[in-house]
């Protein structure tokens, strides 16, 4: 699984978690507890939107970080907002918060998300100059690698044609 697929997988599951959090007051019948209902509606919408952003843009690290923080809030909100005495709401929020937090960590830990040139970094190694390359330098490095790969493929095809092998 490549990085973008890993992020999409984790973010897609977080979209489902956001939907669950949004509808849980009605599914679990705690809509009568206004604080818990409002908390879950707001968090459900926020987690859903942020997960969709992370799903569509694998380099949107901030969305996964915010979702991680919202997952932590899901866990502590019953205590902070005063509805921890309701076991069903408490367990729903703790489990949902853990799920959102773990999925956010998974999305953040996928290598290509950390750097769009992770493959290049692995190939060339890190720079120990004390500075990181700029995004423009990284894009240029990717472009050069792509052109080199295209040139290698073109030369292989020419060699095959010269040997009489023709196209594959």
C-alpha atoms as a PDB file:
ATOM      1  CA  UNK A   1       0.000   0.000   0.000  1.00  0.00           C
ATOM      2  CA  UNK A   2       1.497   3.344  -0.944  1.00  0.00           C
ATOM      3  CA  UNK A   3       1.263   6.439   1.213  1.00  0.00           C
ATOM      4  CA  UNK A   4      -1.649   8.102  -0.532  1.00  0.00           C
ATOM      5  CA  UNK A   5      -3.671   4.876  -0.361  1.00  0.00           C
ATOM      6  CA  UNK A   6      -2.900   4.528   3.353  1.00  0.00           C
ATOM      7  CA  UNK A   7      -4.035   8.061   4.076  1.00  0.00           C
ATOM      8  CA  UNK A   8      -7.193   7.616   2.000  1.00  0.00           C
ATOM      9  CA  UNK A   9      -7.986   4.370   3.814  1.00  0.00           C
ATOM     10  CA  UNK A  10      -7.531   5.884   7.288  1.00  0.00           C
ATOM     11  CA  UNK A  11      -9.270   9.144   6.360  1.00  0.00           C
ATOM     12  CA  UNK A  12     -12.155   7.254   4.738  1.00  0.00           C
ATOM     13  CA  UNK A  13     -12.727   5.324   7.945  1.00  0.00           C
ATOM     14  CA  UNK A  14     -12.559   8.606   9.859  1.00  0.00           C
ATOM     15  CA  UNK A  15     -15.305   9.957   7.568  1.00  0.00           C
ATOM     16  CA  UNK A  16     -17.433   7.010   8.685  1.00  0.00           C
ATOM     17  CA  UNK A  17     -16.505   7.696  12.320  1.00  0.00           C
ATOM     18  CA  UNK A  18     -17.584  11.322  11.852  1.00  0.00           C
ATOM     19  CA  UNK A  19     -20.912  10.179  10.442  1.00  0.00           C
ATOM     20  CA  UNK A  20     -21.370   7.831  13.393  1.00  0.00           C
ATOM     21  CA  UNK A  21     -20.572  10.575  15.918  1.00  0.00           C
ATOM     22  CA  UNK A  22     -23.008  12.885  14.138  1.00  0.00           C
ATOM     23  CA  UNK A  23     -25.920  10.418  14.211  1.00  0.00           C
ATOM     24  CA  UNK A  24     -25.107   8.676  17.509  1.00  0.00           C
ATOM     25  CA  UNK A  25     -27.439  10.852  19.642  1.00  0.00           C
ATOM     26  CA  UNK A  26     -30.402   9.473  17.688  1.00  0.00           C
ATOM     27  CA  UNK A  27     -29.120   5.927  17.193  1.00  0.00           C
ATOM     28  CA  UNK A  28     -28.272   5.554  20.891  1.00  0.00           C
ATOM     29  CA  UNK A  29     -31.270   7.677  22.002  1.00  0.00           C
ATOM     30  CA  UNK A  30     -29.493  10.355  24.002  1.00  0.00           C
ATOM     31  CA  UNK A  31     -30.816  13.351  22.069  1.00  0.00           C
ATOM     32  CA  UNK A  32     -32.488  14.482  25.312  1.00  0.00           C
ATOM     33  CA  UNK A  33     -29.106  15.291  26.838  1.00  0.00           C
ATOM     34  CA  UNK A  34     -28.580  18.633  25.110  1.00  0.00           C
ATOM     35  CA  UNK A  35     -24.920  19.121  25.966  1.00  0.00           C
ATOM     36  CA  UNK A  36     -23.955  15.651  24.758  1.00  0.00           C
ATOM     37  CA  UNK A  37     -26.075  15.955  21.623  1.00  0.00           C
ATOM     38  CA  UNK A  38     -24.673  19.361  20.695  1.00  0.00           C
ATOM     39  CA  UNK A  39     -21.124  18.206  21.407  1.00  0.00           C
ATOM     40  CA  UNK A  40     -21.506  15.135  19.202  1.00  0.00           C
ATOM     41  CA  UNK A  41     -23.210  17.013  16.366  1.00  0.00           C
ATOM     42  CA  UNK A  42     -20.462  19.650  16.253  1.00  0.00           C
ATOM     43  CA  UNK A  43     -17.660  17.094  16.600  1.00  0.00           C
ATOM     44  CA  UNK A  44     -19.255  14.744  14.077  1.00  0.00           C
ATOM     45  CA  UNK A  45     -19.483  17.474  11.461  1.00  0.00           C
ATOM     46  CA  UNK A  46     -15.938  18.712  12.180  1.00  0.00           C
ATOM     47  CA  UNK A  47     -14.386  15.222  12.076  1.00  0.00           C
ATOM     48  CA  UNK A  48     -16.342  14.386   8.926  1.00  0.00           C
ATOM     49  CA  UNK A  49     -15.195  17.552   7.110  1.00  0.00           C
ATOM     50  CA  UNK A  50     -11.566  17.258   8.239  1.00  0.00           C
ATOM     51  CA  UNK A  51     -11.414  13.579   7.306  1.00  0.00           C
ATOM     52  CA  UNK A  52     -12.816  14.422   3.870  1.00  0.00           C
ATOM     53  CA  UNK A  53     -10.100  17.065   3.464  1.00  0.00           C
ATOM     54  CA  UNK A  54      -7.429  14.522   4.450  1.00  0.00           C
ATOM     55  CA  UNK A  55      -9.012  11.957   2.098  1.00  0.00           C
ATOM     56  CA  UNK A  56      -8.875  14.310  -0.882  1.00  0.00           C
ATOM     57  CA  UNK A  57      -5.450  15.817  -0.168  1.00  0.00           C
ATOM     58  CA  UNK A  58      -2.951  13.339   1.219  1.00  0.00           C
ATOM     59  CA  UNK A  59      -0.571  16.181   2.070  1.00  0.00           C
ATOM     60  CA  UNK A  60      -3.071  17.972   4.309  1.00  0.00           C
ATOM     61  CA  UNK A  61      -1.369  16.974   7.561  1.00  0.00           C
ATOM     62  CA  UNK A  62      -3.084  19.682   9.572  1.00  0.00           C
ATOM     63  CA  UNK A  63      -6.489  18.048   9.036  1.00  0.00           C
ATOM     64  CA  UNK A  64      -5.305  14.780  10.566  1.00  0.00           C
ATOM     65  CA  UNK A  65      -3.661  16.639  13.456  1.00  0.00           C
ATOM     66  CA  UNK A  66      -6.877  18.511  14.210  1.00  0.00           C
ATOM     67  CA  UNK A  67      -8.845  15.262  14.000  1.00  0.00           C
ATOM     68  CA  UNK A  68      -6.414  13.697  16.473  1.00  0.00           C
ATOM     69  CA  UNK A  69      -7.064  16.570  18.890  1.00  0.00           C
ATOM     70  CA  UNK A  70     -10.823  16.235  18.338  1.00  0.00           C
ATOM     71  CA  UNK A  71     -10.505  12.515  19.100  1.00  0.00           C
ATOM     72  CA  UNK A  72      -8.869  13.416  22.415  1.00  0.00           C
ATOM     73  CA  UNK A  73     -11.682  15.900  23.089  1.00  0.00           C
ATOM     74  CA  UNK A  74     -14.240  13.142  22.397  1.00  0.00           C
ATOM     75  CA  UNK A  75     -12.648  11.129  25.205  1.00  0.00           C
ATOM     76  CA  UNK A  76     -12.556  13.904  27.815  1.00  0.00           C
ATOM     77  CA  UNK A  77     -15.690  15.848  26.820  1.00  0.00           C
ATOM     78  CA  UNK A  78     -18.124  13.771  28.917  1.00  0.00           C
ATOM     79  CA  UNK A  79     -16.121  14.684  32.028  1.00  0.00           C
ATOM     80  CA  UNK A  80     -15.523  18.316  31.083  1.00  0.00           C
ATOM     81  CA  UNK A  81     -19.085  19.004  29.937  1.00  0.00           C
ATOM     82  CA  UNK A  82     -20.699  17.017  32.750  1.00  0.00           C
ATOM     83  CA  UNK A  83     -22.464  14.108  31.080  1.00  0.00           C
ATOM     84  CA  UNK A  84     -20.109  11.317  32.179  1.00  0.00           C
ATOM     85  CA  UNK A  85     -22.827   9.812  34.429  1.00  0.00           C
ATOM     86  CA  UNK A  86     -24.573   8.430  31.340  1.00  0.00           C
ATOM     87  CA  UNK A  87     -22.786   5.150  30.617  1.00  0.00           C
ATOM     88  CA  UNK A  88     -24.024   4.848  27.028  1.00  0.00           C
ATOM     89  CA  UNK A  89     -22.830   8.355  26.104  1.00  0.00           C
ATOM     90  CA  UNK A  90     -19.568   7.951  28.007  1.00  0.00           C
ATOM     91  CA  UNK A  91     -18.648   4.648  26.341  1.00  0.00           C
ATOM     92  CA  UNK A  92     -19.732   5.913  22.908  1.00  0.00           C
ATOM     93  CA  UNK A  93     -17.575   9.028  23.187  1.00  0.00           C
ATOM     94  CA  UNK A  94     -14.540   7.184  24.578  1.00  0.00           C
ATOM     95  CA  UNK A  95     -14.652   4.470  21.905  1.00  0.00           C
ATOM     96  CA  UNK A  96     -15.347   6.996  19.122  1.00  0.00           C
ATOM     97  CA  UNK A  97     -12.527   9.239  20.358  1.00  0.00           C
ATOM     98  CA  UNK A  98     -10.079   6.337  20.408  1.00  0.00           C
ATOM     99  CA  UNK A  99     -11.108   5.312  16.874  1.00  0.00           C
ATOM    100  CA  UNK A 100     -10.740   8.867  15.521  1.00  0.00           C
ATOM    101  CA  UNK A 101      -7.399   9.326  17.301  1.00  0.00           C
ATOM    102  CA  UNK A 102      -5.927   6.021  16.112  1.00  0.00           C
ATOM    103  CA  UNK A 103      -7.060   6.576  12.517  1.00  0.00           C
ATOM    104  CA  UNK A 104      -5.568  10.080  12.598  1.00  0.00           C
ATOM    105  CA  UNK A 105      -2.254   8.694  13.844  1.00  0.00           C
ATOM    106  CA  UNK A 106      -2.304   6.100  11.059  1.00  0.00           C
ATOM    107  CA  UNK A 107      -2.901   8.850   8.488  1.00  0.00           C
ATOM    108  CA  UNK A 108      -0.043  10.896   9.987  1.00  0.00           C
ATOM    109  CA  UNK A 109       2.373   7.968  10.062  1.00  0.00           C
ATOM    110  CA  UNK A 110       2.177   7.093   6.360  1.00  0.00           C
ATOM    111  CA  UNK A 111       5.588   8.013   4.853  1.00  0.00           C
ATOM    112  CA  UNK A 112       4.481   9.813   1.694  1.00  0.00           C
ATOM    113  CA  UNK A 113       2.375  12.138   3.776  1.00  0.00           C
ATOM    114  CA  UNK A 114       5.379  13.243   5.779  1.00  0.00           C
ATOM    115  CA  UNK A 115       7.131  14.307   2.602  1.00  0.00           C
ATOM    116  CA  UNK A 116       5.974  14.194  -0.995  1.00  0.00           C
ATOM    117  CA  UNK A 117       9.527  13.156  -1.880  1.00  0.00           C
ATOM    118  CA  UNK A 118       9.835  10.328   0.619  1.00  0.00           C
ATOM    119  CA  UNK A 119      10.898   7.961  -2.160  1.00  0.00           C
ATOM    120  CA  UNK A 120      13.598  10.425  -3.199  1.00  0.00           C
ATOM    121  CA  UNK A 121      14.666  10.898   0.410  1.00  0.00           C
ATOM    122  CA  UNK A 122      15.060   7.139   0.839  1.00  0.00           C
ATOM    123  CA  UNK A 123      16.974   6.899  -2.434  1.00  0.00           C
ATOM    124  CA  UNK A 124      19.359   9.818  -1.791  1.00  0.00           C
ATOM    125  CA  UNK A 125      19.404   9.852   2.004  1.00  0.00           C
ATOM    126  CA  UNK A 126      18.796  12.774   4.309  1.00  0.00           C
ATOM    127  CA  UNK A 127      20.823  15.923   4.145  1.00  0.00           C
ATOM    128  CA  UNK A 128      22.849  16.663   7.236  1.00  0.00           C
ATOM    129  CA  UNK A 129      23.471  20.298   6.411  1.00  0.00           C
ATOM    130  CA  UNK A 130      21.059  21.429   9.070  1.00  0.00           C
ATOM    131  CA  UNK A 131      18.491  22.655   6.570  1.00  0.00           C
ATOM    132  CA  UNK A 132      15.759  20.896   4.691  1.00  0.00           C
ATOM    133  CA  UNK A 133      15.337  21.335   0.966  1.00  0.00           C
ATOM    134  CA  UNK A 134      12.645  23.760  -0.088  1.00  0.00           C
ATOM    135  CA  UNK A 135       9.477  22.460  -1.748  1.00  0.00           C
ATOM    136  CA  UNK A 136      10.740  23.870  -5.057  1.00  0.00           C
ATOM    137  CA  UNK A 137      14.007  21.932  -4.711  1.00  0.00           C
ATOM    138  CA  UNK A 138      12.102  18.768  -3.889  1.00  0.00           C
ATOM    139  CA  UNK A 139       9.797  19.196  -6.899  1.00  0.00           C
ATOM    140  CA  UNK A 140      12.834  19.839  -9.117  1.00  0.00           C
ATOM    141  CA  UNK A 141      14.484  16.677  -7.791  1.00  0.00           C
ATOM    142  CA  UNK A 142      11.318  14.690  -8.572  1.00  0.00           C
ATOM    143  CA  UNK A 143      11.147  16.189 -12.080  1.00  0.00           C
ATOM    144  CA  UNK A 144      14.783  15.297 -12.763  1.00  0.00           C
ATOM    145  CA  UNK A 145      14.228  11.737 -11.529  1.00  0.00           C
ATOM    146  CA  UNK A 146      11.125  11.407 -13.684  1.00  0.00           C
ATOM    147  CA  UNK A 147      12.983  12.670 -16.774  1.00  0.00           C
ATOM    148  CA  UNK A 148      15.881  10.300 -16.089  1.00  0.00           C
ATOM    149  CA  UNK A 149      13.458   7.385 -15.799  1.00  0.00           C
ATOM    150  CA  UNK A 150      11.718   8.367 -19.058  1.00  0.00           C
ATOM    151  CA  UNK A 151      15.092   8.620 -20.811  1.00  0.00           C
ATOM    152  CA  UNK A 152      16.118   5.180 -19.521  1.00  0.00           C
ATOM    153  CA  UNK A 153      12.865   3.649 -20.805  1.00  0.00           C
ATOM    154  CA  UNK A 154      13.309   5.363 -24.204  1.00  0.00           C
ATOM    155  CA  UNK A 155      16.874   4.012 -24.497  1.00  0.00           C
ATOM    156  CA  UNK A 156      15.715   0.488 -23.625  1.00  0.00           C
ATOM    157  CA  UNK A 157      13.089   0.628 -26.377  1.00  0.00           C
ATOM    158  CA  UNK A 158      15.649   1.901 -28.909  1.00  0.00           C
ATOM    159  CA  UNK A 159      18.064  -0.875 -27.950  1.00  0.00           C
ATOM    160  CA  UNK A 160      15.361  -3.493 -28.403  1.00  0.00           C
ATOM    161  CA  UNK A 161      14.406  -2.099 -31.812  1.00  0.00           C
ATOM    162  CA  UNK A 162      18.062  -2.090 -32.922  1.00  0.00           C
ATOM    163  CA  UNK A 163      18.426  -5.716 -31.870  1.00  0.00           C
ATOM    164  CA  UNK A 164      15.332  -6.539 -33.894  1.00  0.00           C
ATOM    165  CA  UNK A 165      13.138  -7.303 -30.925  1.00  0.00           C
ATOM    166  CA  UNK A 166      10.592  -4.657 -31.807  1.00  0.00           C
ATOM    167  CA  UNK A 167       8.125  -3.319 -29.312  1.00  0.00           C
ATOM    168  CA  UNK A 168       6.958  -5.609 -26.513  1.00  0.00           C
END
